[in-house]
Amino acid sequence: VQQFLQRVTILPVSATASQTAYQLMESFFLSHGLLTPDALIAATALEHGLTLYTRNVRHFQMIPGLTVVQPY
């Protein structure tokens, strides 16, 4: 695990990402069941302009501006 984590960049949740996550929850909690951890992940990816690689594409596909890729 430590060897794998040495290659990973850890991005802290910023105030901006936190606010964006809150807005995403307001928009997609009832309609899509978006939960807090996924909202924070999406908001952080949006803030940094990153592509989100996940096997749970359906958790994120409704978020505008977020590029989501299923790796396999």
Protein backbone atom coordinates (compact mmCIF):
# COMPACT_ATOMS: atom_id res chain seq x y z
CA VAL A 1 0.00 0.00 0.00
CA GLN A 2 2.78 2.44 0.88
CA GLN A 3 4.51 1.82 -2.44
CA PHE A 4 1.29 2.58 -4.32
CA LEU A 5 0.57 5.71 -2.27
CA GLN A 6 4.03 7.14 -3.03
CA ARG A 7 2.85 7.65 -6.63
CA VAL A 8 -0.44 9.29 -5.66
CA THR A 9 -0.95 13.02 -5.33
CA ILE A 10 -3.25 13.85 -2.45
CA LEU A 11 -5.46 16.88 -3.00
CA PRO A 12 -6.98 18.44 0.11
CA VAL A 13 -10.58 19.55 0.06
CA SER A 14 -10.43 23.32 -0.31
CA ALA A 15 -13.06 25.83 0.73
CA THR A 16 -13.96 26.25 -2.95
CA ALA A 17 -14.40 22.50 -3.46
CA SER A 18 -16.45 22.32 -0.29
CA GLN A 19 -18.81 25.03 -1.51
CA THR A 20 -19.07 23.39 -4.93
CA ALA A 21 -19.83 20.04 -3.28
CA TYR A 22 -22.60 21.69 -1.30
CA GLN A 23 -24.09 23.11 -4.50
CA LEU A 24 -23.84 19.71 -6.18
CA MET A 25 -25.66 18.12 -3.25
CA GLU A 26 -28.42 20.72 -3.52
CA SER A 27 -28.77 19.95 -7.22
CA PHE A 28 -28.40 16.18 -7.30
CA PHE A 29 -29.13 14.64 -3.90
CA LEU A 30 -32.84 14.14 -4.43
CA SER A 31 -32.80 13.50 -8.17
CA HIS A 32 -29.73 11.25 -8.39
CA GLY A 33 -28.89 10.27 -4.81
CA LEU A 34 -25.55 12.10 -4.83
CA LEU A 35 -23.89 11.59 -1.45
CA THR A 36 -21.34 13.79 0.31
CA PRO A 37 -18.19 11.75 -0.47
CA ASP A 38 -18.99 11.64 -4.20
CA ALA A 39 -19.87 15.34 -4.21
CA LEU A 40 -16.50 16.16 -2.63
CA ILE A 41 -14.65 13.96 -5.13
CA ALA A 42 -16.46 15.57 -8.07
CA ALA A 43 -15.95 19.09 -6.74
CA THR A 44 -12.23 18.51 -6.23
CA ALA A 45 -11.87 17.12 -9.76
CA LEU A 46 -13.76 20.13 -11.15
CA GLU A 47 -11.61 22.59 -9.20
CA HIS A 48 -8.39 21.11 -10.54
CA GLY A 49 -9.66 20.44 -14.06
CA LEU A 50 -9.10 16.71 -13.69
CA THR A 51 -10.70 13.76 -15.41
CA LEU A 52 -12.40 11.46 -12.92
CA TYR A 53 -11.69 7.77 -13.45
CA THR A 54 -14.22 5.57 -11.69
CA ARG A 55 -16.13 2.34 -12.06
CA ASN A 56 -19.18 4.15 -10.68
CA VAL A 57 -19.85 6.38 -13.67
CA ARG A 58 -23.55 6.65 -12.81
CA HIS A 59 -22.68 8.47 -9.56
CA PHE A 60 -21.07 11.30 -11.53
CA GLN A 61 -22.43 11.37 -15.09
CA MET A 62 -25.04 14.06 -14.37
CA ILE A 63 -22.52 16.65 -13.14
CA PRO A 64 -22.00 19.35 -15.76
CA GLY A 65 -18.42 20.09 -16.74
CA LEU A 66 -17.04 16.93 -15.15
CA THR A 67 -15.27 14.49 -17.45
CA VAL A 68 -15.88 10.95 -16.22
CA VAL A 69 -14.16 7.85 -17.61
CA GLN A 70 -14.72 4.22 -16.69
CA PRO A 71 -11.19 2.75 -16.79
CA TYR A 72 -12.30 -0.82 -17.59
